Protein backbone atom coordinates (compact mmCIF):
# COMPACT_ATOMS: atom_id res chain seq x y z
CA UNK A 1 36.15 12.91 2.33
CA UNK A 2 34.46 16.23 1.29
CA UNK A 3 32.91 16.48 -2.02
CA UNK A 4 35.41 19.25 -3.16
CA UNK A 5 38.34 17.00 -2.07
CA UNK A 6 36.79 14.01 -3.72
CA UNK A 7 36.64 16.04 -7.02
CA UNK A 8 40.24 17.03 -6.59
CA UNK A 9 41.14 13.32 -6.25
CA UNK A 10 39.19 12.57 -9.35
CA UNK A 11 41.22 15.09 -11.44
CA UNK A 12 44.49 13.37 -10.31
CA UNK A 13 43.02 9.92 -11.36
CA UNK A 14 41.11 10.33 -14.50
CA UNK A 15 43.23 9.36 -17.46
CA UNK A 16 42.56 10.62 -20.83
CA UNK A 17 43.87 7.81 -22.88
CA UNK A 18 44.47 6.89 -26.49
CA UNK A 19 41.88 4.61 -27.94
CA UNK A 20 44.60 1.81 -28.09
CA UNK A 21 44.80 1.85 -24.22
CA UNK A 22 41.13 0.99 -24.15
CA UNK A 23 41.30 -2.22 -26.40
CA UNK A 24 40.55 -4.31 -23.33
CA UNK A 25 37.23 -2.53 -22.53
CA UNK A 26 35.53 -2.86 -25.94
CA UNK A 27 31.83 -3.57 -26.05
CA UNK A 28 32.38 -6.58 -28.34
CA UNK A 29 35.44 -8.39 -26.99
CA UNK A 30 35.70 -11.85 -27.78
CA UNK A 31 34.70 -14.30 -25.16
CA UNK A 32 31.59 -16.24 -23.66
CA UNK A 33 30.37 -13.20 -22.05
CA UNK A 34 30.03 -11.03 -25.23
CA UNK A 35 27.06 -8.88 -25.63
CA UNK A 36 25.57 -8.80 -29.01
CA UNK A 37 24.63 -5.27 -29.77
CA UNK A 38 22.87 -6.26 -33.13
CA UNK A 39 20.34 -9.08 -32.35
CA UNK A 40 18.43 -9.97 -35.23
CA UNK A 41 14.91 -8.57 -35.09
CA UNK A 42 12.23 -9.15 -37.72
CA UNK A 43 8.73 -8.02 -37.55
CA UNK A 44 5.98 -10.82 -37.67
CA UNK A 45 5.19 -9.90 -41.06
CA UNK A 46 7.42 -10.02 -44.38
CA UNK A 47 5.99 -6.62 -45.79
CA UNK A 48 8.63 -3.99 -46.19
CA UNK A 49 8.06 -0.66 -44.34
CA UNK A 50 7.66 2.11 -46.74
CA UNK A 51 7.17 5.06 -44.21
CA UNK A 52 9.86 7.57 -43.85
CA UNK A 53 9.76 9.76 -40.70
CA UNK A 54 11.96 12.73 -40.37
CA UNK A 55 13.51 13.29 -37.09
CA UNK A 56 11.75 16.39 -36.85
CA UNK A 57 8.52 14.27 -36.11
CA UNK A 58 9.81 13.93 -32.59
CA UNK A 59 9.83 17.75 -32.02
CA UNK A 60 6.22 18.11 -31.43
CA UNK A 61 5.51 19.43 -28.08
CA UNK A 62 5.41 16.84 -25.40
CA UNK A 63 2.58 17.20 -22.93
CA UNK A 64 1.39 15.25 -19.75
CA UNK A 65 4.36 15.99 -17.71
CA UNK A 66 6.52 13.56 -19.81
CA UNK A 67 10.24 14.39 -20.16
CA UNK A 68 11.32 16.69 -23.11
CA UNK A 69 14.39 18.72 -24.06
CA UNK A 70 13.44 21.51 -21.62
CA UNK A 71 13.45 19.08 -18.59
CA UNK A 72 16.48 16.78 -19.45
CA UNK A 73 20.20 17.07 -20.22
CA UNK A 74 22.65 19.86 -19.36
CA UNK A 75 22.01 22.40 -16.52
CA UNK A 76 21.67 25.68 -18.15
CA UNK A 77 24.06 28.34 -17.77
CA UNK A 78 26.85 26.00 -16.52
CA UNK A 79 30.07 26.30 -18.59
CA UNK A 80 31.77 23.03 -19.99
CA UNK A 81 35.34 22.09 -20.25
CA UNK A 82 36.19 20.23 -23.64
CA UNK A 83 38.13 17.18 -23.28
CA UNK A 84 39.09 14.03 -25.07
CA UNK A 85 38.48 10.57 -24.07
CA UNK A 86 38.11 9.85 -20.31
CA UNK A 87 38.51 6.70 -18.27
CA UNK A 88 37.43 6.91 -14.58
CA UNK A 89 39.58 4.58 -11.97
CA UNK A 90 38.94 6.25 -8.75
CA UNK A 91 36.01 4.88 -6.69
CA UNK A 92 33.48 7.51 -5.66
CA UNK A 93 34.61 10.00 -8.31
CA UNK A 94 32.46 12.91 -9.45
CA UNK A 95 32.66 13.82 -13.20
CA UNK A 96 31.05 17.03 -13.86
CA UNK A 97 30.84 19.98 -16.15
CA UNK A 98 32.72 18.57 -19.01
CA UNK A 99 32.17 18.12 -22.86
CA UNK A 100 33.83 14.88 -23.74
CA UNK A 101 34.63 14.16 -27.38
CA UNK A 102 34.88 10.37 -27.56
CA UNK A 103 34.20 7.68 -24.96
CA UNK A 104 33.66 8.05 -21.30
CA UNK A 105 34.77 4.84 -19.52
CA UNK A 106 33.71 4.01 -15.84
CA UNK A 107 36.00 1.55 -14.36
CA UNK A 108 35.43 2.18 -10.68
CA UNK A 109 32.55 1.82 -8.18
CA UNK A 110 30.07 4.60 -7.25
CA UNK A 111 30.87 6.92 -9.99
CA UNK A 112 28.70 10.01 -10.59
CA UNK A 113 28.49 11.50 -13.79
CA UNK A 114 26.68 14.92 -13.84
CA UNK A 115 26.01 17.84 -16.15
CA UNK A 116 28.36 16.17 -18.74
CA UNK A 117 27.98 16.18 -22.52
CA UNK A 118 29.38 13.05 -24.25
CA UNK A 119 29.68 13.02 -27.99
CA UNK A 120 30.73 9.48 -28.41
CA UNK A 121 31.93 7.00 -31.19
CA UNK A 122 32.28 3.29 -31.81
CA UNK A 123 30.59 0.88 -29.40
CA UNK A 124 29.41 3.29 -26.94
CA UNK A 125 29.48 6.95 -25.49
CA UNK A 126 29.37 5.99 -21.86
CA UNK A 127 30.26 2.43 -20.35
CA UNK A 128 30.11 1.05 -17.02
CA UNK A 129 32.55 -1.76 -17.36
CA UNK A 130 32.29 -5.34 -16.06
CA UNK A 131 33.15 -5.72 -12.56
CA UNK A 132 32.08 -2.32 -11.49
CA UNK A 133 28.70 -1.11 -10.07
CA UNK A 134 26.77 1.89 -8.52
CA UNK A 135 27.43 4.58 -11.55
CA UNK A 136 25.02 7.37 -11.35
CA UNK A 137 24.60 9.41 -14.70
CA UNK A 138 22.42 12.39 -14.56
CA UNK A 139 21.69 15.83 -16.10
CA UNK A 140 23.79 14.73 -19.16
CA UNK A 141 23.43 14.97 -22.94
CA UNK A 142 24.55 11.82 -24.68
CA UNK A 143 24.93 11.53 -28.27
CA UNK A 144 26.95 10.64 -31.43
CA UNK A 145 27.95 13.37 -33.79
CA UNK A 146 25.76 11.89 -36.47
CA UNK A 147 28.58 11.07 -39.00
CA UNK A 148 30.78 8.73 -36.97
CA UNK A 149 28.82 5.66 -35.59
CA UNK A 150 27.95 5.79 -31.80
CA UNK A 151 26.09 2.39 -31.00
CA UNK A 152 25.27 2.93 -27.56
CA UNK A 153 24.46 5.96 -25.46
CA UNK A 154 24.92 4.14 -22.13
CA UNK A 155 26.30 0.62 -22.02
CA UNK A 156 26.24 -1.31 -18.67
CA UNK A 157 28.44 -4.44 -18.39
CA UNK A 158 28.62 -4.14 -14.59
CA UNK A 159 26.30 -4.05 -11.69
CA UNK A 160 23.54 -1.42 -10.63
CA UNK A 161 23.47 1.68 -12.61
CA UNK A 162 21.17 4.71 -12.50
CA UNK A 163 20.39 7.06 -15.36
CA UNK A 164 18.11 10.19 -14.77
CA UNK A 165 17.09 13.10 -16.60
CA UNK A 166 19.33 12.19 -19.62
CA UNK A 167 18.92 13.63 -23.06
CA UNK A 168 20.02 10.77 -25.45
CA UNK A 169 19.90 11.16 -29.18
CA UNK A 170 21.98 10.57 -32.42
CA UNK A 171 22.87 6.82 -31.36
CA UNK A 172 21.60 3.59 -32.52
CA UNK A 173 20.75 2.25 -28.87
CA UNK A 174 20.05 4.60 -26.02
CA UNK A 175 20.55 2.26 -22.99
CA UNK A 176 21.79 -1.34 -22.71
CA UNK A 177 21.49 -3.20 -19.45
CA UNK A 178 19.90 -6.12 -18.03
CA UNK A 179 19.38 -4.38 -14.70
CA UNK A 180 19.33 -0.87 -13.19
CA UNK A 181 17.12 2.22 -13.33
CA UNK A 182 16.56 4.69 -16.21
CA UNK A 183 13.92 7.45 -15.30
CA UNK A 184 12.91 10.96 -16.27
CA UNK A 185 14.88 10.79 -19.47
CA UNK A 186 14.35 11.76 -23.09
CA UNK A 187 15.43 9.30 -25.62
CA UNK A 188 14.84 10.63 -29.29
CA UNK A 189 16.15 11.06 -32.93
CA UNK A 190 17.86 7.74 -33.14
CA UNK A 191 20.69 7.12 -35.73
CA UNK A 192 20.67 4.20 -37.90
CA UNK A 193 23.85 3.02 -39.79
CA UNK A 194 24.09 -0.02 -41.96
CA UNK A 195 23.27 -3.25 -40.09
CA UNK A 196 21.95 -1.60 -37.07
CA UNK A 197 18.85 -2.43 -35.09
CA UNK A 198 17.65 0.69 -33.37
CA UNK A 199 16.34 0.63 -29.70
CA UNK A 200 15.74 2.72 -26.65
CA UNK A 201 16.47 0.79 -23.40
CA UNK A 202 17.42 -2.83 -24.19
CA UNK A 203 18.09 -5.89 -22.13
CA UNK A 204 19.34 -8.96 -23.68
CA UNK A 205 18.59 -11.60 -20.86
CA UNK A 206 18.60 -11.88 -17.11
CA UNK A 207 19.42 -9.37 -14.65
CA UNK A 208 22.06 -10.20 -12.05
CA UNK A 209 20.87 -12.08 -9.06
CA UNK A 210 18.91 -9.96 -6.66
CA UNK A 211 18.57 -7.28 -9.19
CA UNK A 212 15.91 -5.89 -11.41
CA UNK A 213 15.37 -3.34 -14.43
CA UNK A 214 13.24 -0.32 -13.87
CA UNK A 215 12.27 1.93 -16.96
CA UNK A 216 10.11 4.75 -15.46
CA UNK A 217 8.65 7.93 -16.56
CA UNK A 218 10.65 8.59 -19.85
CA UNK A 219 9.79 9.83 -23.08
CA UNK A 220 11.13 7.23 -25.86
CA UNK A 221 10.43 8.13 -29.50
CA UNK A 222 12.07 6.06 -32.15
CA UNK A 223 11.24 7.92 -35.36
CA UNK A 224 12.60 4.93 -37.44
CA UNK A 225 10.23 2.02 -38.77
CA UNK A 226 12.33 -0.75 -37.42
CA UNK A 227 13.13 -2.59 -33.95
CA UNK A 228 11.65 -0.51 -30.94
CA UNK A 229 11.23 2.02 -28.30
CA UNK A 230 11.94 -0.63 -25.72
CA UNK A 231 13.32 -4.29 -26.13
CA UNK A 232 13.43 -7.17 -23.65
CA UNK A 233 15.17 -9.96 -25.35
CA UNK A 234 16.45 -13.46 -24.55
CA UNK A 235 19.57 -13.52 -26.46
CA UNK A 236 21.55 -14.93 -23.58
CA UNK A 237 19.22 -15.84 -20.71
CA UNK A 238 15.53 -15.66 -19.72
CA UNK A 239 13.99 -12.31 -19.31
CA UNK A 240 12.45 -11.57 -15.75
CA UNK A 241 11.86 -8.70 -13.08
CA UNK A 242 11.36 -5.88 -15.47
CA UNK A 243 9.19 -2.81 -14.57
CA UNK A 244 8.15 -0.61 -17.30
CA UNK A 245 5.72 2.07 -16.04
CA UNK A 246 4.58 5.69 -16.77
CA UNK A 247 6.44 6.34 -20.11
CA UNK A 248 5.52 8.06 -23.24
CA UNK A 249 6.40 5.46 -25.94
CA UNK A 250 6.29 5.36 -29.82
CA UNK A 251 7.99 4.20 -32.85
CA UNK A 252 10.29 1.43 -34.04
CA UNK A 253 8.74 -1.69 -35.75
CA UNK A 254 6.87 -2.34 -32.34
CA UNK A 255 7.07 0.06 -29.56
CA UNK A 256 7.87 -2.68 -27.11
CA UNK A 257 9.48 -6.22 -27.21
CA UNK A 258 8.11 -7.82 -24.12
CA UNK A 259 10.48 -10.43 -23.25
CA UNK A 260 9.49 -13.80 -24.71
CA UNK A 261 12.14 -16.03 -26.16
CA UNK A 262 14.08 -19.29 -26.27
CA UNK A 263 15.28 -19.53 -22.77
CA UNK A 264 11.82 -19.92 -21.21
CA UNK A 265 8.65 -18.05 -20.15
CA UNK A 266 9.39 -14.47 -18.84
CA UNK A 267 8.17 -13.77 -15.29
CA UNK A 268 7.65 -10.60 -13.36
CA UNK A 269 7.43 -8.38 -16.41
CA UNK A 270 5.37 -5.57 -15.56
CA UNK A 271 4.37 -2.95 -18.33
CA UNK A 272 1.92 -0.45 -16.34
CA UNK A 273 0.41 2.94 -17.09
CA UNK A 274 2.33 3.84 -20.09
CA UNK A 275 0.98 6.07 -22.91
CA UNK A 276 1.42 5.04 -26.41
CA UNK A 277 1.73 7.89 -29.25
CA UNK A 278 0.60 7.57 -32.63
CA UNK A 279 2.50 10.77 -33.60
CA UNK A 280 5.00 8.53 -35.44
CA UNK A 281 3.00 5.83 -36.83
CA UNK A 282 -0.72 4.99 -36.70
CA UNK A 283 -0.09 1.70 -34.82
CA UNK A 284 2.26 3.06 -32.25
CA UNK A 285 5.17 1.22 -33.80
CA UNK A 286 5.16 0.61 -37.52
CA UNK A 287 3.58 -2.68 -36.83
CA UNK A 288 1.95 -2.23 -33.48
CA UNK A 289 2.36 -1.35 -29.89
CA UNK A 290 3.77 -4.44 -28.49
CA UNK A 291 4.98 -7.88 -29.41
CA UNK A 292 6.61 -10.92 -27.69
CA UNK A 293 4.72 -10.35 -24.38
CA UNK A 294 3.75 -13.43 -22.71
CA UNK A 295 0.54 -12.56 -20.44
CA UNK A 296 0.39 -16.07 -18.72
CA UNK A 297 3.98 -15.90 -17.40
CA UNK A 298 4.03 -15.71 -13.41
CA UNK A 299 3.75 -12.12 -12.19
CA UNK A 300 3.49 -10.58 -15.84
CA UNK A 301 0.97 -7.75 -16.12
CA UNK A 302 0.03 -5.40 -18.84
CA UNK A 303 -2.43 -2.86 -17.35
CA UNK A 304 -3.31 0.74 -17.57
CA UNK A 305 -1.75 1.26 -20.88
CA UNK A 306 -3.48 3.60 -23.27
CA UNK A 307 -3.18 5.58 -26.43
CA UNK A 308 -2.16 9.22 -26.24
CA UNK A 309 -4.75 10.58 -28.53
CA UNK A 310 -7.98 8.72 -27.36
CA UNK A 311 -7.10 7.23 -23.86
CA UNK A 312 -8.35 4.11 -25.22
CA UNK A 313 -7.01 0.97 -23.49
CA UNK A 314 -4.31 -0.97 -25.26
CA UNK A 315 -4.45 -4.72 -25.11
CA UNK A 316 -1.15 -6.89 -25.58
């Protein structure tokens, strides 16, 4: 099928639904597979942070070839059609050139979302639902409106997913998935609501069998003094097979939570050639650059990571 015919087919099968029609797709449905978007994260010290950082702190020029507002998000000069909440139910559909006010729900395989602005609310802005895989989200701006809570920029409850050249902001958590790829994206100006724990990319346990998580060549700046830029947790299962490489990272309580936890020693956690910035906090994160990394785990590596200002090596 040609791409033009596929887009026409998509228009016939995308449903713009009232919120009640999506109740079965909620990110916190009851059941044994519930993902906890608010895991308890407390820094190793009981001291209370007193530093308040304005979101304007992330607006300093970004050098070194790292992603920025100029290299991510919407393609310039392309008009967008304003729509309400969207649910995609056609395999191989292409969603493009829209401004979505509400959720964008992917409930089909191999869906492409391109050049779309999503101003989300509630549990997510974009979701790939359980049982579906192959979503590609590229050249998009994903956010909340700053007034109504938007918990996740992109939440993946399905299989493989790719996010690239995305500009994600004004949400509590940028990207939630235990597997997939996020690259060349700009995650910044996070929004904290009462009870939130604020992160960029976050994994809550093991990837699906045969899969892995790659976080590559992103700028992730959490201007808030809690949680992280990147979090690998063991809320539901043991962390393993994660590659974090060539990112510009800073902010949160720690810039990285490295995967150690209650389900066992993490393995194949590779944190390579990242640049940690002090532009938000003198220690990278409020408390430091990294915590919960287990250097003795099989295949775990923390190498080539340096401070932005001095190029001095960072030790875990």
